[in-house]
């Protein structure tokens, strides 16, 4: 496998299919004992429908206020 002038590599198709690495998948390179490993990051899609938003709200609103805002659009 060759590295391009831009530092890019091609992940072989059978590896992409086996590990469900699709366009826009995020991966990390990890170095251990002078070896480099490609690690697929966990996708936010695999979390529950609202799990990725849990704990990020900063506005104190009641459920009724939030529902009212959502219905107005």
PDB file of N, CA and C in Angstrom:
ATOM      1  N   UNK A   1       0.858  -1.164   0.000  1.00  0.00           N
ATOM      2  CA  UNK A   1       0.000   0.000   0.000  1.00  0.00           C
ATOM      3  C   UNK A   1       0.905   1.228   0.000  1.00  0.00           C
ATOM      4  N   UNK A   2       0.568   2.205  -0.799  1.00  0.00           N
ATOM      5  CA  UNK A   2       1.362   3.423  -0.887  1.00  0.00           C
ATOM      6  C   UNK A   2       0.625   4.584  -0.232  1.00  0.00           C
ATOM      7  N   UNK A   3       1.400   5.509   0.267  1.00  0.00           N
ATOM      8  CA  UNK A   3       0.860   6.745   0.828  1.00  0.00           C
ATOM      9  C   UNK A   3       1.018   7.806  -0.246  1.00  0.00           C
ATOM     10  N   UNK A   4      -0.049   8.573  -0.510  1.00  0.00           N
ATOM     11  CA  UNK A   4       0.019   9.618  -1.530  1.00  0.00           C
ATOM     12  C   UNK A   4       0.825  10.808  -1.025  1.00  0.00           C
ATOM     13  N   UNK A   5       1.081  11.733  -1.914  1.00  0.00           N
ATOM     14  CA  UNK A   5       1.790  12.949  -1.556  1.00  0.00           C
ATOM     15  C   UNK A   5       1.064  13.772  -0.507  1.00  0.00           C
ATOM     16  N   UNK A   6      -0.238  13.603  -0.408  1.00  0.00           N
ATOM     17  CA  UNK A   6      -1.045  14.306   0.598  1.00  0.00           C
ATOM     18  C   UNK A   6      -1.171  13.509   1.892  1.00  0.00           C
ATOM     19  N   UNK A   7      -0.487  12.364   1.967  1.00  0.00           N
ATOM     20  CA  UNK A   7      -0.544  11.539   3.179  1.00  0.00           C
ATOM     21  C   UNK A   7      -1.773  10.651   3.247  1.00  0.00           C
ATOM     22  N   UNK A   8      -2.423  10.415   2.115  1.00  0.00           N
ATOM     23  CA  UNK A   8      -3.644   9.609   2.100  1.00  0.00           C
ATOM     24  C   UNK A   8      -3.322   8.156   1.769  1.00  0.00           C
ATOM     25  N   UNK A   9      -4.161   7.264   2.285  1.00  0.00           N
ATOM     26  CA  UNK A   9      -4.071   5.851   1.953  1.00  0.00           C
ATOM     27  C   UNK A   9      -5.454   5.364   1.551  1.00  0.00           C
ATOM     28  N   UNK A  10      -5.500   4.232   0.888  1.00  0.00           N
ATOM     29  CA  UNK A  10      -6.779   3.617   0.548  1.00  0.00           C
ATOM     30  C   UNK A  10      -6.959   2.388   1.422  1.00  0.00           C
ATOM     31  N   UNK A  11      -8.065   2.338   2.138  1.00  0.00           N
ATOM     32  CA  UNK A  11      -8.381   1.158   2.950  1.00  0.00           C
ATOM     33  C   UNK A  11      -8.989   0.128   1.997  1.00  0.00           C
ATOM     34  N   UNK A  12      -8.441  -1.071   1.948  1.00  0.00           N
ATOM     35  CA  UNK A  12      -8.969  -2.082   1.017  1.00  0.00           C
ATOM     36  C   UNK A  12     -10.472  -2.313   1.222  1.00  0.00           C
ATOM     37  N   UNK A  13     -11.151  -2.571   0.099  1.00  0.00           N
ATOM     38  CA  UNK A  13     -12.604  -2.714   0.121  1.00  0.00           C
ATOM     39  C   UNK A  13     -13.072  -3.787   1.095  1.00  0.00           C
ATOM     40  N   UNK A  14     -12.411  -4.934   1.136  1.00  0.00           N
ATOM     41  CA  UNK A  14     -12.875  -6.018   2.021  1.00  0.00           C
ATOM     42  C   UNK A  14     -12.776  -5.605   3.501  1.00  0.00           C
ATOM     43  N   UNK A  15     -11.802  -4.762   3.833  1.00  0.00           N
ATOM     44  CA  UNK A  15     -11.684  -4.261   5.209  1.00  0.00           C
ATOM     45  C   UNK A  15     -12.793  -3.248   5.491  1.00  0.00           C
ATOM     46  N   UNK A  16     -13.035  -2.332   4.546  1.00  0.00           N
ATOM     47  CA  UNK A  16     -14.114  -1.338   4.726  1.00  0.00           C
ATOM     48  C   UNK A  16     -15.459  -2.027   4.912  1.00  0.00           C
ATOM     49  N   UNK A  17     -15.713  -3.057   4.108  1.00  0.00           N
ATOM     50  CA  UNK A  17     -16.994  -3.775   4.211  1.00  0.00           C
ATOM     51  C   UNK A  17     -17.098  -4.539   5.527  1.00  0.00           C
ATOM     52  N   UNK A  18     -16.037  -5.219   5.901  1.00  0.00           N
ATOM     53  CA  UNK A  18     -16.058  -6.032   7.128  1.00  0.00           C
ATOM     54  C   UNK A  18     -16.312  -5.175   8.363  1.00  0.00           C
ATOM     55  N   UNK A  19     -15.704  -3.979   8.408  1.00  0.00           N
ATOM     56  CA  UNK A  19     -15.812  -3.130   9.593  1.00  0.00           C
ATOM     57  C   UNK A  19     -16.751  -1.944   9.400  1.00  0.00           C
ATOM     58  N   UNK A  20     -17.535  -1.985   8.336  1.00  0.00           N
ATOM     59  CA  UNK A  20     -18.545  -0.942   8.056  1.00  0.00           C
ATOM     60  C   UNK A  20     -17.927   0.454   8.094  1.00  0.00           C
ATOM     61  N   UNK A  21     -16.799   0.607   7.447  1.00  0.00           N
ATOM     62  CA  UNK A  21     -16.175   1.918   7.311  1.00  0.00           C
ATOM     63  C   UNK A  21     -16.719   2.526   6.030  1.00  0.00           C
ATOM     64  N   UNK A  22     -17.551   3.515   6.185  1.00  0.00           N
ATOM     65  CA  UNK A  22     -18.240   4.144   5.070  1.00  0.00           C
ATOM     66  C   UNK A  22     -17.765   5.594   4.934  1.00  0.00           C
ATOM     67  N   UNK A  23     -18.112   6.257   3.834  1.00  0.00           N
ATOM     68  CA  UNK A  23     -17.748   7.672   3.733  1.00  0.00           C
ATOM     69  C   UNK A  23     -18.221   8.434   4.969  1.00  0.00           C
ATOM     70  N   UNK A  24     -17.398   9.304   5.457  1.00  0.00           N
ATOM     71  CA  UNK A  24     -17.637  10.114   6.658  1.00  0.00           C
ATOM     72  C   UNK A  24     -17.483   9.343   7.972  1.00  0.00           C
ATOM     73  N   UNK A  25     -17.074   8.066   7.910  1.00  0.00           N
ATOM     74  CA  UNK A  25     -16.729   7.361   9.144  1.00  0.00           C
ATOM     75  C   UNK A  25     -15.508   8.041   9.740  1.00  0.00           C
ATOM     76  N   UNK A  26     -15.413   8.042  11.049  1.00  0.00           N
ATOM     77  CA  UNK A  26     -14.251   8.633  11.696  1.00  0.00           C
ATOM     78  C   UNK A  26     -13.360   7.519  12.231  1.00  0.00           C
ATOM     79  N   UNK A  27     -12.057   7.685  12.008  1.00  0.00           N
ATOM     80  CA  UNK A  27     -11.078   6.708  12.473  1.00  0.00           C
ATOM     81  C   UNK A  27      -9.942   7.436  13.185  1.00  0.00           C
ATOM     82  N   UNK A  28      -9.217   6.708  13.996  1.00  0.00           N
ATOM     83  CA  UNK A  28      -8.031   7.217  14.673  1.00  0.00           C
ATOM     84  C   UNK A  28      -6.860   6.317  14.321  1.00  0.00           C
ATOM     85  N   UNK A  29      -5.679   6.889  14.356  1.00  0.00           N
ATOM     86  CA  UNK A  29      -4.458   6.112  14.249  1.00  0.00           C
ATOM     87  C   UNK A  29      -3.846   6.072  15.632  1.00  0.00           C
ATOM     88  N   UNK A  30      -3.538   4.859  16.108  1.00  0.00           N
ATOM     89  CA  UNK A  30      -2.979   4.674  17.444  1.00  0.00           C
ATOM     90  C   UNK A  30      -1.626   3.983  17.301  1.00  0.00           C
ATOM     91  N   UNK A  31      -0.621   4.529  17.980  1.00  0.00           N
ATOM     92  CA  UNK A  31       0.715   3.939  17.941  1.00  0.00           C
ATOM     93  C   UNK A  31       0.962   3.146  19.225  1.00  0.00           C
ATOM     94  N   UNK A  32       1.356   1.877  19.061  1.00  0.00           N
ATOM     95  CA  UNK A  32       1.672   1.008  20.198  1.00  0.00           C
ATOM     96  C   UNK A  32       2.926   0.217  19.833  1.00  0.00           C
ATOM     97  N   UNK A  33       3.972   0.366  20.626  1.00  0.00           N
ATOM     98  CA  UNK A  33       5.223  -0.370  20.398  1.00  0.00           C
ATOM     99  C   UNK A  33       5.721  -0.250  18.954  1.00  0.00           C
ATOM    100  N   UNK A  34       5.786   0.970  18.452  1.00  0.00           N
ATOM    101  CA  UNK A  34       6.266   1.250  17.092  1.00  0.00           C
ATOM    102  C   UNK A  34       5.410   0.630  15.993  1.00  0.00           C
ATOM    103  N   UNK A  35       4.163   0.333  16.300  1.00  0.00           N
ATOM    104  CA  UNK A  35       3.198  -0.146  15.306  1.00  0.00           C
ATOM    105  C   UNK A  35       2.042   0.847  15.280  1.00  0.00           C
ATOM    106  N   UNK A  36       1.440   0.987  14.120  1.00  0.00           N
ATOM    107  CA  UNK A  36       0.322   1.911  13.973  1.00  0.00           C
ATOM    108  C   UNK A  36      -0.936   1.100  13.690  1.00  0.00           C
ATOM    109  N   UNK A  37      -1.989   1.381  14.440  1.00  0.00           N
ATOM    110  CA  UNK A  37      -3.266   0.702  14.275  1.00  0.00           C
ATOM    111  C   UNK A  37      -4.332   1.712  13.866  1.00  0.00           C
ATOM    112  N   UNK A  38      -5.200   1.302  12.967  1.00  0.00           N
ATOM    113  CA  UNK A  38      -6.339   2.112  12.558  1.00  0.00           C
ATOM    114  C   UNK A  38      -7.528   1.668  13.400  1.00  0.00           C
ATOM    115  N   UNK A  39      -8.125   2.591  14.128  1.00  0.00           N
ATOM    116  CA  UNK A  39      -9.243   2.277  15.014  1.00  0.00           C
ATOM    117  C   UNK A  39     -10.466   3.065  14.553  1.00  0.00           C
ATOM    118  N   UNK A  40     -11.577   2.375  14.333  1.00  0.00           N
ATOM    119  CA  UNK A  40     -12.808   3.052  13.958  1.00  0.00           C
ATOM    120  C   UNK A  40     -13.442   3.639  15.215  1.00  0.00           C
ATOM    121  N   UNK A  41     -13.777   4.929  15.148  1.00  0.00           N
ATOM    122  CA  UNK A  41     -14.445   5.564  16.276  1.00  0.00           C
ATOM    123  C   UNK A  41     -15.898   5.112  16.318  1.00  0.00           C
ATOM    124  N   UNK A  42     -16.454   5.081  17.504  1.00  0.00           N
ATOM    125  CA  UNK A  42     -17.866   4.743  17.639  1.00  0.00           C
ATOM    126  C   UNK A  42     -18.703   5.863  17.043  1.00  0.00           C
ATOM    127  N   UNK A  43     -19.682   5.477  16.291  1.00  0.00           N
ATOM    128  CA  UNK A  43     -20.550   6.446  15.637  1.00  0.00           C
ATOM    129  C   UNK A  43     -21.617   6.937  16.595  1.00  0.00           C
ATOM    130  N   UNK A  44     -21.945   8.226  16.495  1.00  0.00           N
ATOM    131  CA  UNK A  44     -23.040   8.756  17.304  1.00  0.00           C
ATOM    132  C   UNK A  44     -24.370   8.148  16.873  1.00  0.00           C
ATOM    133  N   UNK A  45     -24.441   7.648  15.631  1.00  0.00           N
ATOM    134  CA  UNK A  45     -25.673   7.024  15.146  1.00  0.00           C
ATOM    135  C   UNK A  45     -26.006   5.778  15.943  1.00  0.00           C
ATOM    136  N   UNK A  46     -24.990   5.085  16.434  1.00  0.00           N
ATOM    137  CA  UNK A  46     -25.216   3.842  17.172  1.00  0.00           C
ATOM    138  C   UNK A  46     -25.772   4.086  18.567  1.00  0.00           C
ATOM    139  N   UNK A  47     -25.730   5.331  19.020  1.00  0.00           N
ATOM    140  CA  UNK A  47     -26.296   5.642  20.320  1.00  0.00           C
ATOM    141  C   UNK A  47     -27.797   5.822  20.146  1.00  0.00           C
ATOM    142  N   UNK A  48     -28.505   5.880  21.255  1.00  0.00           N
ATOM    143  CA  UNK A  48     -29.940   6.061  21.191  1.00  0.00           C
ATOM    144  C   UNK A  48     -30.310   7.325  20.442  1.00  0.00           C
ATOM    145  N   UNK A  49     -31.541   7.416  20.041  1.00  0.00           N
ATOM    146  CA  UNK A  49     -32.008   8.523  19.210  1.00  0.00           C
ATOM    147  C   UNK A  49     -31.653   9.886  19.796  1.00  0.00           C
ATOM    148  N   UNK A  50     -31.759  10.038  21.108  1.00  0.00           N
ATOM    149  CA  UNK A  50     -31.494  11.315  21.742  1.00  0.00           C
ATOM    150  C   UNK A  50     -30.264  11.283  22.642  1.00  0.00           C
ATOM    151  N   UNK A  51     -29.604  10.135  22.730  1.00  0.00           N
ATOM    152  CA  UNK A  51     -28.477   9.966  23.646  1.00  0.00           C
ATOM    153  C   UNK A  51     -27.368  10.981  23.396  1.00  0.00           C
ATOM    154  N   UNK A  52     -27.086  11.281  22.137  1.00  0.00           N
ATOM    155  CA  UNK A  52     -25.979  12.200  21.856  1.00  0.00           C
ATOM    156  C   UNK A  52     -26.256  13.614  22.334  1.00  0.00           C
ATOM    157  N   UNK A  53     -27.518  13.946  22.611  1.00  0.00           N
ATOM    158  CA  UNK A  53     -27.874  15.276  23.083  1.00  0.00           C
ATOM    159  C   UNK A  53     -28.005  15.353  24.602  1.00  0.00           C
ATOM    160  N   UNK A  54     -27.982  14.199  25.263  1.00  0.00           N
ATOM    161  CA  UNK A  54     -28.171  14.158  26.704  1.00  0.00           C
ATOM    162  C   UNK A  54     -27.084  14.949  27.425  1.00  0.00           C
ATOM    163  N   UNK A  55     -27.502  15.867  28.293  1.00  0.00           N
ATOM    164  CA  UNK A  55     -26.568  16.611  29.118  1.00  0.00           C
ATOM    165  C   UNK A  55     -25.959  17.840  28.480  1.00  0.00           C
ATOM    166  N   UNK A  56     -26.371  18.208  27.257  1.00  0.00           N
ATOM    167  CA  UNK A  56     -25.758  19.374  26.621  1.00  0.00           C
ATOM    168  C   UNK A  56     -26.621  20.624  26.693  1.00  0.00           C
ATOM    169  N   UNK A  57     -27.859  20.487  27.102  1.00  0.00           N
ATOM    170  CA  UNK A  57     -28.738  21.654  27.179  1.00  0.00           C
ATOM    171  C   UNK A  57     -28.292  22.565  28.315  1.00  0.00           C
ATOM    172  N   UNK A  58     -28.343  23.862  28.064  1.00  0.00           N
ATOM    173  CA  UNK A  58     -27.931  24.822  29.086  1.00  0.00           C
ATOM    174  C   UNK A  58     -29.082  25.726  29.514  1.00  0.00           C
ATOM    175  N   UNK A  59     -30.176  25.693  28.792  1.00  0.00           N
ATOM    176  CA  UNK A  59     -31.309  26.556  29.092  1.00  0.00           C
ATOM    177  C   UNK A  59     -32.302  25.801  29.966  1.00  0.00           C
ATOM    178  N   UNK A  60     -32.732  26.439  31.021  1.00  0.00           N
ATOM    179  CA  UNK A  60     -33.717  25.801  31.904  1.00  0.00           C
ATOM    180  C   UNK A  60     -35.113  26.096  31.357  1.00  0.00           C
ATOM    181  N   UNK A  61     -35.695  25.097  30.745  1.00  0.00           N
ATOM    182  CA  UNK A  61     -37.042  25.236  30.189  1.00  0.00           C
ATOM    183  C   UNK A  61     -37.868  24.035  30.619  1.00  0.00           C
ATOM    184  N   UNK A  62     -39.148  24.265  30.749  1.00  0.00           N
ATOM    185  CA  UNK A  62     -40.030  23.151  31.057  1.00  0.00           C
ATOM    186  C   UNK A  62     -40.306  22.370  29.776  1.00  0.00           C
ATOM    187  N   UNK A  63     -40.781  21.166  29.929  1.00  0.00           N
ATOM    188  CA  UNK A  63     -41.131  20.353  28.769  1.00  0.00           C
ATOM    189  C   UNK A  63     -42.196  21.049  27.948  1.00  0.00           C
ATOM    190  N   UNK A  64     -43.176  21.672  28.607  1.00  0.00           N
ATOM    191  CA  UNK A  64     -44.236  22.375  27.886  1.00  0.00           C
ATOM    192  C   UNK A  64     -43.675  23.533  27.058  1.00  0.00           C
ATOM    193  N   UNK A  65     -42.690  24.253  27.600  1.00  0.00           N
ATOM    194  CA  UNK A  65     -42.084  25.365  26.860  1.00  0.00           C
ATOM    195  C   UNK A  65     -41.329  24.856  25.629  1.00  0.00           C
ATOM    196  N   UNK A  66     -40.619  23.775  25.797  1.00  0.00           N
ATOM    197  CA  UNK A  66     -39.882  23.191  24.671  1.00  0.00           C
ATOM    198  C   UNK A  66     -40.848  22.704  23.605  1.00  0.00           C
ATOM    199  N   UNK A  67     -41.899  22.014  24.011  1.00  0.00           N
ATOM    200  CA  UNK A  67     -42.890  21.509  23.055  1.00  0.00           C
ATOM    201  C   UNK A  67     -43.566  22.657  22.319  1.00  0.00           C
ATOM    202  N   UNK A  68     -43.826  23.748  23.025  1.00  0.00           N
ATOM    203  CA  UNK A  68     -44.446  24.918  22.412  1.00  0.00           C
ATOM    204  C   UNK A  68     -43.528  25.487  21.313  1.00  0.00           C
ATOM    205  N   UNK A  69     -42.240  25.580  21.606  1.00  0.00           N
ATOM    206  CA  UNK A  69     -41.291  26.079  20.615  1.00  0.00           C
ATOM    207  C   UNK A  69     -41.242  25.170  19.376  1.00  0.00           C
ATOM    208  N   UNK A  70     -41.287  23.871  19.613  1.00  0.00           N
ATOM    209  CA  UNK A  70     -41.204  22.926  18.509  1.00  0.00           C
ATOM    210  C   UNK A  70     -42.454  22.953  17.651  1.00  0.00           C
ATOM    211  N   UNK A  71     -43.582  23.184  18.245  1.00  0.00           N
ATOM    212  CA  UNK A  71     -44.854  23.201  17.503  1.00  0.00           C
ATOM    213  C   UNK A  71     -45.027  24.463  16.696  1.00  0.00           C
ATOM    214  N   UNK A  72     -44.378  25.547  17.097  1.00  0.00           N
ATOM    215  CA  UNK A  72     -44.525  26.811  16.393  1.00  0.00           C
ATOM    216  C   UNK A  72     -43.841  26.794  15.031  1.00  0.00           C
ATOM    217  N   UNK A  73     -42.948  25.839  14.796  1.00  0.00           N
ATOM    218  CA  UNK A  73     -42.201  25.830  13.523  1.00  0.00           C
ATOM    219  C   UNK A  73     -42.869  25.002  12.486  1.00  0.00           C
TER     220      UNK A  73
END
